[in-house]
Protein backbone atom coordinates (compact mmCIF):
# COMPACT_ATOMS: atom_id res chain seq x y z
CA MET A 1 53.62 -10.37 9.28
CA LYS A 2 54.22 -10.09 5.56
CA LEU A 3 57.56 -10.26 3.86
CA SER A 4 56.83 -6.98 2.09
CA LYS A 5 57.19 -5.35 5.48
CA LEU A 6 60.60 -6.91 5.79
CA VAL A 7 61.51 -5.69 2.31
CA LEU A 8 60.17 -2.39 3.19
CA LEU A 9 62.01 -2.78 6.40
CA GLY A 10 65.09 -3.87 4.37
CA CYS A 11 64.78 -0.80 2.06
CA CYS A 12 65.21 1.69 4.96
CA MET A 13 68.99 1.40 5.50
CA ILE A 14 71.25 4.41 4.47
CA SER A 15 71.48 8.04 5.59
CA VAL A 16 74.20 10.70 5.48
CA ILE A 17 74.70 13.88 7.50
CA SER A 18 78.16 15.28 6.73
CA TYR A 19 80.72 16.84 9.03
CA GLY A 20 83.99 18.76 8.50
CA ARG A 21 87.28 18.13 10.13
CA GLN A 22 86.82 17.31 13.81
CA THR A 23 89.08 17.67 16.84
CA ARG A 24 89.97 14.91 19.25
CA GLY A 25 88.04 14.55 22.51
CA ASN A 26 84.53 13.93 23.69
CA GLN A 27 83.04 17.24 22.48
CA LEU A 28 82.75 18.75 18.99
CA ASN A 29 82.98 22.45 18.28
CA ASN A 30 79.84 23.68 16.50
CA ASP A 31 82.05 25.72 14.14
CA GLU A 32 83.29 22.43 12.66
CA ILE A 33 79.86 21.19 11.52
CA VAL A 34 79.49 21.56 7.76
CA ASP A 35 76.66 21.36 5.22
CA THR A 36 74.37 18.42 5.95
CA THR A 37 72.10 18.83 2.93
CA THR A 38 74.61 17.47 0.43
CA CYS A 39 78.06 15.92 0.67
CA GLY A 40 80.29 18.73 -0.56
CA SER A 41 83.92 18.41 -1.54
CA SER A 42 85.08 19.31 1.98
CA CYS A 43 82.95 16.81 3.86
CA ASN A 44 83.03 13.12 4.55
CA CYS A 45 80.16 11.48 2.65
CA SER A 46 80.26 8.32 4.75
CA GLN A 47 79.38 10.11 7.99
CA SER A 48 75.83 10.09 9.32
CA GLN A 49 73.82 10.66 12.47
CA THR A 50 70.53 9.41 11.02
CA PRO A 51 69.46 5.84 11.98
CA LEU A 52 70.19 3.01 9.58
CA GLY A 53 66.48 2.34 9.05
CA ILE A 54 66.08 5.72 7.28
CA MET A 55 67.51 5.91 3.77
CA THR A 56 66.10 9.11 2.23
CA ASP A 57 67.57 11.88 4.40
CA HIS A 58 70.27 13.02 1.97
CA ILE A 59 71.39 13.49 -1.61
CA HIS A 60 74.86 13.36 -3.19
CA PRO A 61 76.56 16.05 -5.27
CA LYS A 62 76.86 15.53 -9.00
CA GLY A 63 79.11 12.65 -10.05
CA THR A 64 79.58 11.07 -6.57
CA TRP A 65 78.55 7.57 -5.45
CA MET A 66 77.73 5.59 -2.33
CA ALA A 67 77.49 1.79 -2.08
CA SER A 68 76.32 -0.23 0.90
CA TYR A 69 75.56 -3.69 2.25
CA THR A 70 73.00 -4.24 5.01
CA PHE A 71 71.98 -7.38 6.88
CA MET A 72 68.45 -7.43 8.33
CA ASN A 73 66.79 -9.99 10.57
CA MET A 74 63.12 -9.99 11.55
CA ALA A 75 62.16 -12.43 14.30
CA LEU A 76 58.56 -13.40 15.07
CA GLN A 77 57.36 -15.51 17.98
CA GLY A 78 53.94 -16.65 19.17
CA ASN A 79 50.60 -15.36 17.89
CA ARG A 80 48.20 -12.48 18.34
CA MET A 81 44.54 -11.85 17.65
CA GLY A 82 44.12 -8.11 17.36
CA THR A 83 45.98 -6.63 20.33
CA SER A 84 45.74 -9.79 22.48
CA VAL A 85 48.28 -12.58 22.84
CA ALA A 86 46.89 -15.85 21.43
CA SER A 87 48.01 -19.12 23.03
CA ASP A 88 48.39 -22.30 20.98
CA ALA A 89 45.15 -23.56 22.54
CA MET A 90 43.33 -20.48 21.22
CA VAL A 91 44.78 -20.98 17.74
CA TYR A 92 43.80 -24.67 17.78
CA LYS A 93 40.14 -23.66 18.12
CA ASN A 94 40.23 -22.60 14.46
CA TYR A 95 43.26 -24.35 12.96
CA ALA A 96 45.08 -27.66 13.25
CA MET A 97 48.47 -25.88 13.33
CA ALA A 98 49.86 -23.04 15.43
CA PRO A 99 52.89 -21.03 14.20
CA GLU A 100 55.64 -20.87 16.83
CA THR A 101 58.69 -19.00 15.50
CA MET A 102 59.78 -17.37 12.28
CA ASN A 103 63.03 -15.70 11.21
CA MET A 104 63.46 -13.82 7.94
CA GLN A 105 66.86 -12.47 6.88
CA MET A 106 67.73 -10.18 4.00
CA HIS A 107 71.15 -9.44 2.53
CA MET A 108 70.65 -6.11 0.78
CA GLY A 109 72.85 -4.13 -1.57
CA MET A 110 72.27 -0.49 -2.48
CA ILE A 111 73.93 2.12 -4.65
CA MET A 112 73.34 5.89 -4.88
CA TYR A 113 74.55 8.32 -7.55
CA GLY A 114 74.40 12.11 -7.65
CA ARG A 115 72.87 12.90 -11.05
CA THR A 116 72.87 16.62 -10.27
CA ASP A 117 73.57 18.62 -7.12
CA ARG A 118 69.87 18.35 -6.24
CA LEU A 119 68.87 14.99 -7.74
CA THR A 120 70.21 11.61 -6.57
CA LEU A 121 69.33 8.24 -8.07
CA MET A 122 69.17 5.12 -5.92
CA ALA A 123 68.67 1.39 -6.56
CA MET A 124 68.49 -1.56 -4.16
CA GLY A 125 67.88 -5.27 -4.17
CA GLY A 126 68.46 -8.24 -1.92
CA TYR A 127 68.40 -11.95 -1.24
CA VAL A 128 66.02 -13.40 1.35
CA THR A 129 66.30 -16.53 3.48
CA GLY A 130 63.89 -17.65 6.15
CA SER A 131 62.46 -20.38 8.31
CA MET A 132 59.17 -20.98 10.10
CA SER A 133 58.25 -23.52 12.79
CA MET A 134 54.69 -24.72 13.40
CA THR A 135 53.23 -27.15 15.95
CA MET A 136 50.25 -29.43 15.32
CA ASN A 137 47.37 -29.96 17.70
CA ALA A 138 48.08 -33.34 19.35
CA ASP A 139 44.40 -34.28 18.99
CA MET A 140 44.54 -34.03 15.20
CA PRO A 141 45.53 -36.86 12.81
CA GLY A 142 48.91 -36.72 11.10
CA MET A 143 49.45 -34.59 7.99
CA PRO A 144 51.60 -35.13 4.89
CA GLY A 145 53.98 -32.36 5.99
CA MET A 146 54.62 -33.97 9.37
CA ASN A 147 56.99 -36.79 10.23
CA ALA A 148 55.48 -39.80 12.01
CA GLY A 149 55.21 -39.10 15.74
CA ASN A 150 56.46 -35.53 15.28
CA LEU A 151 54.12 -32.62 16.00
CA ASN A 152 56.54 -29.97 14.70
CA MET A 153 56.81 -28.81 11.07
CA GLN A 154 59.71 -26.77 9.69
CA SER A 155 59.50 -24.72 6.50
CA TYR A 156 62.35 -22.93 4.72
CA THR A 157 62.48 -20.34 1.97
CA SER A 158 65.07 -18.43 -0.06
CA GLY A 159 65.20 -16.26 -3.16
CA PHE A 160 65.78 -12.81 -4.57
CA ALA A 161 63.56 -9.98 -3.32
CA ASP A 162 61.96 -7.24 -5.40
CA THR A 163 64.15 -4.46 -6.82
CA ARG A 164 63.50 -0.81 -6.03
CA VAL A 165 64.68 2.30 -7.87
CA TYR A 166 64.26 5.86 -6.56
CA GLY A 167 64.83 9.48 -7.43
CA LEU A 168 65.56 11.81 -4.46
CA TYR A 169 65.30 15.59 -4.74
CA ASN A 170 66.51 18.25 -2.30
CA PHE A 171 64.12 21.19 -1.82
CA SER A 172 66.20 23.00 0.82
CA ASN A 173 69.22 25.27 0.63
CA ASN A 174 69.49 25.41 4.43
CA SER A 175 72.07 22.96 5.77
CA ASP A 176 70.30 22.81 9.16
CA ASN A 177 66.83 22.06 7.76
CA ASN A 178 66.79 19.38 5.08
CA ILE A 179 63.67 18.59 3.04
CA ILE A 180 64.17 15.54 0.83
CA ALA A 181 61.31 14.18 -1.29
CA SER A 182 61.64 10.92 -3.17
CA LEU A 183 59.62 8.77 -5.52
CA GLY A 184 60.38 5.14 -6.20
CA ILE A 185 59.09 2.18 -8.16
CA ASN A 186 58.98 -1.40 -6.93
CA LEU A 187 59.91 -3.88 -9.67
CA PRO A 188 58.55 -7.42 -9.07
CA THR A 189 61.84 -9.28 -9.54
CA GLY A 190 61.35 -11.45 -6.45
CA THR A 191 59.78 -14.86 -6.73
CA ILE A 192 56.22 -15.56 -5.56
CA ARG A 193 56.50 -19.27 -6.42
CA ALA A 194 58.87 -20.48 -3.69
CA ILE A 195 58.13 -24.05 -2.63
CA GLY A 196 58.83 -26.03 0.53
CA THR A 197 57.20 -28.02 3.30
CA THR A 198 53.54 -27.23 4.02
CA THR A 199 50.63 -29.13 5.60
CA LEU A 200 50.14 -30.70 2.14
CA GLY A 201 53.65 -32.19 2.16
CA ASP A 202 57.04 -31.33 0.63
CA ASN A 203 57.55 -29.22 -2.51
CA HIS A 204 54.31 -27.27 -2.30
CA ARG A 205 53.75 -23.53 -2.73
CA LEU A 206 54.70 -21.74 0.48
CA PRO A 207 52.29 -19.24 2.12
CA TYR A 208 52.35 -15.53 1.35
CA ASN A 209 54.57 -14.55 4.28
CA MET A 210 57.28 -16.94 3.07
CA GLN A 211 57.48 -15.58 -0.48
CA PRO A 212 60.53 -13.36 -1.16
CA GLY A 213 58.68 -11.15 -3.66
CA THR A 214 55.29 -9.47 -4.08
CA GLY A 215 54.67 -10.08 -7.77
CA SER A 216 53.30 -6.53 -8.10
CA TYR A 217 54.61 -3.21 -9.32
CA GLY A 218 54.53 -0.56 -6.61
CA LEU A 219 54.66 3.21 -6.19
CA LEU A 220 56.94 4.41 -3.37
CA PRO A 221 56.45 8.09 -2.38
CA ASP A 222 58.49 9.35 0.59
CA VAL A 223 59.36 12.60 2.41
CA THR A 224 62.11 13.12 5.01
CA LEU A 225 62.73 16.17 7.20
CA VAL A 226 65.95 16.61 9.20
CA HIS A 227 66.77 19.50 11.55
CA LYS A 228 70.19 19.96 13.14
CA ILE A 229 70.84 21.84 16.41
CA GLY A 230 74.52 21.70 17.34
CA LEU A 231 75.37 18.10 18.21
CA VAL A 232 71.71 17.02 18.11
CA SER A 233 69.81 15.94 15.02
CA ILE A 234 66.05 15.35 14.91
CA GLY A 235 64.06 14.04 11.99
CA ALA A 236 60.85 12.59 10.65
CA ASN A 237 60.06 10.37 7.68
CA THR A 238 56.81 9.21 6.12
CA GLY A 239 56.00 7.22 3.02
CA ALA A 240 54.04 4.42 1.43
CA ASP A 241 54.32 1.25 -0.62
CA ILE A 242 51.27 1.29 -2.92
CA LYS A 243 50.69 -1.90 -4.94
CA LEU A 244 49.61 -1.05 -8.49
CA ASN A 245 48.38 -4.41 -9.78
CA THR A 246 47.19 -7.87 -8.85
CA ASN A 247 50.01 -10.33 -9.57
CA ASP A 248 49.74 -13.19 -12.03
CA LEU A 249 48.85 -15.67 -9.26
CA GLY A 250 45.69 -13.73 -8.47
CA TYR A 251 46.48 -11.73 -5.32
CA LYS A 252 47.84 -8.37 -4.22
CA GLN A 253 49.62 -7.81 -0.94
CA GLY A 254 48.36 -4.88 1.12
CA ASN A 255 49.57 -1.32 0.76
CA ILE A 256 52.00 -0.26 3.49
CA TYR A 257 52.13 3.17 5.16
CA HIS A 258 54.95 4.11 7.52
CA LEU A 259 55.94 6.99 9.80
CA SER A 260 59.18 7.42 11.77
CA ALA A 261 60.54 10.08 14.10
CA TRP A 262 63.98 10.09 15.73
CA THR A 263 66.63 12.01 17.56
CA SER A 264 70.38 11.42 17.54
CA TYR A 265 73.38 12.86 19.37
CA GLN A 266 77.05 13.07 18.42
CA LEU A 267 78.71 11.37 21.40
CA LEU A 268 82.29 11.38 20.04
CA PRO A 269 83.93 12.56 16.81
CA TRP A 270 83.45 9.03 15.44
CA LEU A 271 80.31 7.87 17.29
CA SER A 272 76.66 8.91 17.44
CA GLY A 273 73.64 7.27 19.05
CA SER A 274 69.97 7.45 18.11
CA LEU A 275 66.45 6.61 19.29
CA ARG A 276 63.67 6.10 16.75
CA GLY A 277 59.95 5.41 16.89
CA GLU A 278 58.23 3.77 13.93
CA THR A 279 54.60 3.04 13.06
CA ILE A 280 53.71 0.72 10.17
CA TYR A 281 50.17 0.14 8.94
CA THR A 282 49.52 -2.63 6.39
CA ASP A 283 46.29 -3.13 4.46
CA LYS A 284 44.66 -6.54 4.07
CA LEU A 285 45.82 -8.93 1.37
CA LYS A 286 43.37 -9.04 -1.55
CA GLY A 287 42.63 -12.05 -3.77
CA LYS A 288 44.35 -15.41 -3.30
CA ASP A 289 46.78 -17.91 -4.76
CA THR A 290 44.68 -21.02 -5.36
CA GLN A 291 47.70 -23.27 -4.75
CA VAL A 292 48.10 -21.75 -1.28
CA THR A 293 44.60 -20.87 -0.10
CA MET A 294 42.14 -23.74 -0.49
CA PRO A 295 39.50 -25.22 1.83
CA VAL A 296 41.72 -28.01 3.14
CA THR A 297 44.67 -25.71 3.93
CA GLU A 298 42.49 -23.00 5.49
CA LEU A 299 41.41 -25.54 8.13
CA ASN A 300 45.01 -26.37 8.98
CA ASP A 301 47.27 -23.34 8.63
CA PRO A 302 46.50 -19.72 9.63
CA THR A 303 49.31 -18.39 7.40
CA VAL A 304 47.41 -19.38 4.22
CA VAL A 305 44.23 -17.48 5.21
CA THR A 306 44.21 -14.09 3.48
CA ALA A 307 42.18 -12.49 6.30
CA ASN A 308 45.19 -13.09 8.60
CA TYR A 309 47.32 -10.39 6.97
CA GLY A 310 47.66 -6.68 7.70
CA GLY A 311 47.46 -4.54 10.81
CA THR A 312 49.40 -1.94 12.78
CA VAL A 313 52.79 -2.32 14.50
CA VAL A 314 54.69 0.31 16.52
CA ASN A 315 58.43 -0.27 17.08
CA ILE A 316 61.11 1.50 19.13
CA TYR A 317 64.73 1.34 17.91
CA ALA A 318 68.11 2.15 19.45
CA GLY A 319 70.95 2.73 17.01
CA VAL A 320 74.65 3.53 16.74
CA ASN A 321 76.64 5.03 13.85
CA ILE A 322 80.44 4.69 13.69
CA HIS A 323 82.55 6.81 11.33
CA PHE A 324 86.32 6.74 11.67
CA VAL A 325 88.20 9.98 10.97
CA LYS A 326 91.46 8.31 9.89
CA PRO A 327 92.51 8.34 6.20
CA ILE A 328 91.03 5.56 4.04
CA LEU A 329 88.63 4.48 6.80
CA GLU A 330 86.98 7.91 6.70
CA LYS A 331 85.07 6.85 3.58
CA PHE A 332 83.39 3.98 5.47
CA GLY A 333 80.42 4.01 7.79
CA PHE A 334 79.28 1.24 10.16
CA LEU A 335 75.67 1.48 11.36
CA ALA A 336 73.33 -0.72 13.41
CA GLU A 337 69.82 -0.62 14.90
CA PHE A 338 67.89 -2.93 17.20
CA GLY A 339 64.14 -2.63 17.60
CA LEU A 340 61.34 -4.05 19.74
CA PRO A 341 57.57 -3.77 19.22
CA VAL A 342 55.63 -1.76 21.80
CA TYR A 343 52.18 -2.11 20.20
CA GLN A 344 50.65 -4.62 17.78
CA ASN A 345 47.10 -4.74 16.45
CA LEU A 346 46.96 -7.54 13.86
CA ASN A 347 44.16 -8.72 11.62
CA GLY A 348 42.81 -12.20 12.35
CA THR A 349 45.37 -14.64 13.78
CA GLN A 350 48.98 -13.74 13.01
CA MET A 351 52.49 -14.34 14.25
CA ALA A 352 53.63 -11.58 16.59
CA GLN A 353 56.73 -9.53 15.88
CA HIS A 354 59.49 -10.19 18.43
CA ASP A 355 62.47 -8.05 17.38
CA ASN A 356 64.27 -6.47 14.43
CA PHE A 357 68.02 -6.12 13.88
CA LEU A 358 69.86 -4.19 11.16
CA ALA A 359 73.61 -3.83 10.61
CA GLY A 360 75.32 -2.27 7.63
CA ILE A 361 78.50 -0.93 6.07
CA GLN A 362 78.62 1.89 3.52
CA TYR A 363 81.35 3.34 1.33
CA SER A 364 81.42 6.74 -0.39
CA PHE A 365 83.47 7.42 -3.51
């Protein structure tokens, strides 16, 4: 799986559906629900029923801000060829190494500002850390990246990710039916030259899935629909990450297209729960970095082969949103989501997605 998916995944993190003053108890009176299209002066901008992985479901009124921090972890384990699980023995038929586990974490910051009552500006960036474990075929001779007598290789990466800036516009005046369209630009601020341990030895260029950045400018169109029925909220989101240029190392990561649908329910005045389905399709990687993909490395490591990138993944997420109604704390929101894949169809030989976890805190002012 490519890191751009993680970034993409990392970009989907904030949403706000606002409520008025609420009574104590396990049920809310529908008369208390206020405008959910924007955060008006009488509502609490930190409150939200929308899952953390969706960020474009709201705008802010003129002159107001929201800041947030989100931690994201993507875990991968084992390998797949298309829709089938691939054992190490199957991988060894084509490569000397078989990836075993991979964990990529992002620490993301985001800020939103209401430029007008219909237009909100948003910017986000993050710092990525990660590790990958690979095992060598015992029948193969030792490699520079392996310790004597050790068949396991560990690689580590870290660095700043790309930066994204968006404009979000509200097309709806109906508080129960929000239509938010957004357009963003990906700025290639993340490194594509991270080095570490590879089959060539230490301090060599890491493969594409271990690079924090893409090296390419990108166009980020997105549309979100949210409909509210009493204590229930349903929504859908679709968008894309379209790479505009080949980077200066000679490759372009694949375009990404995503679709999500969810439903959430206000369980308590301060607690809501959600279920979300997500489909992500990623195009193949085009071109190559000649310091990563070369004949000797293509025989050893499937992560350096450009044909082993792209595919379709379907995830199911469960989420919770916590918003306290006490003074001071009412401006904060605490959100989390946990997701598992239910379908994977991957190009070539790739590491399989195992789970995704997101947790964040947001503050409105």
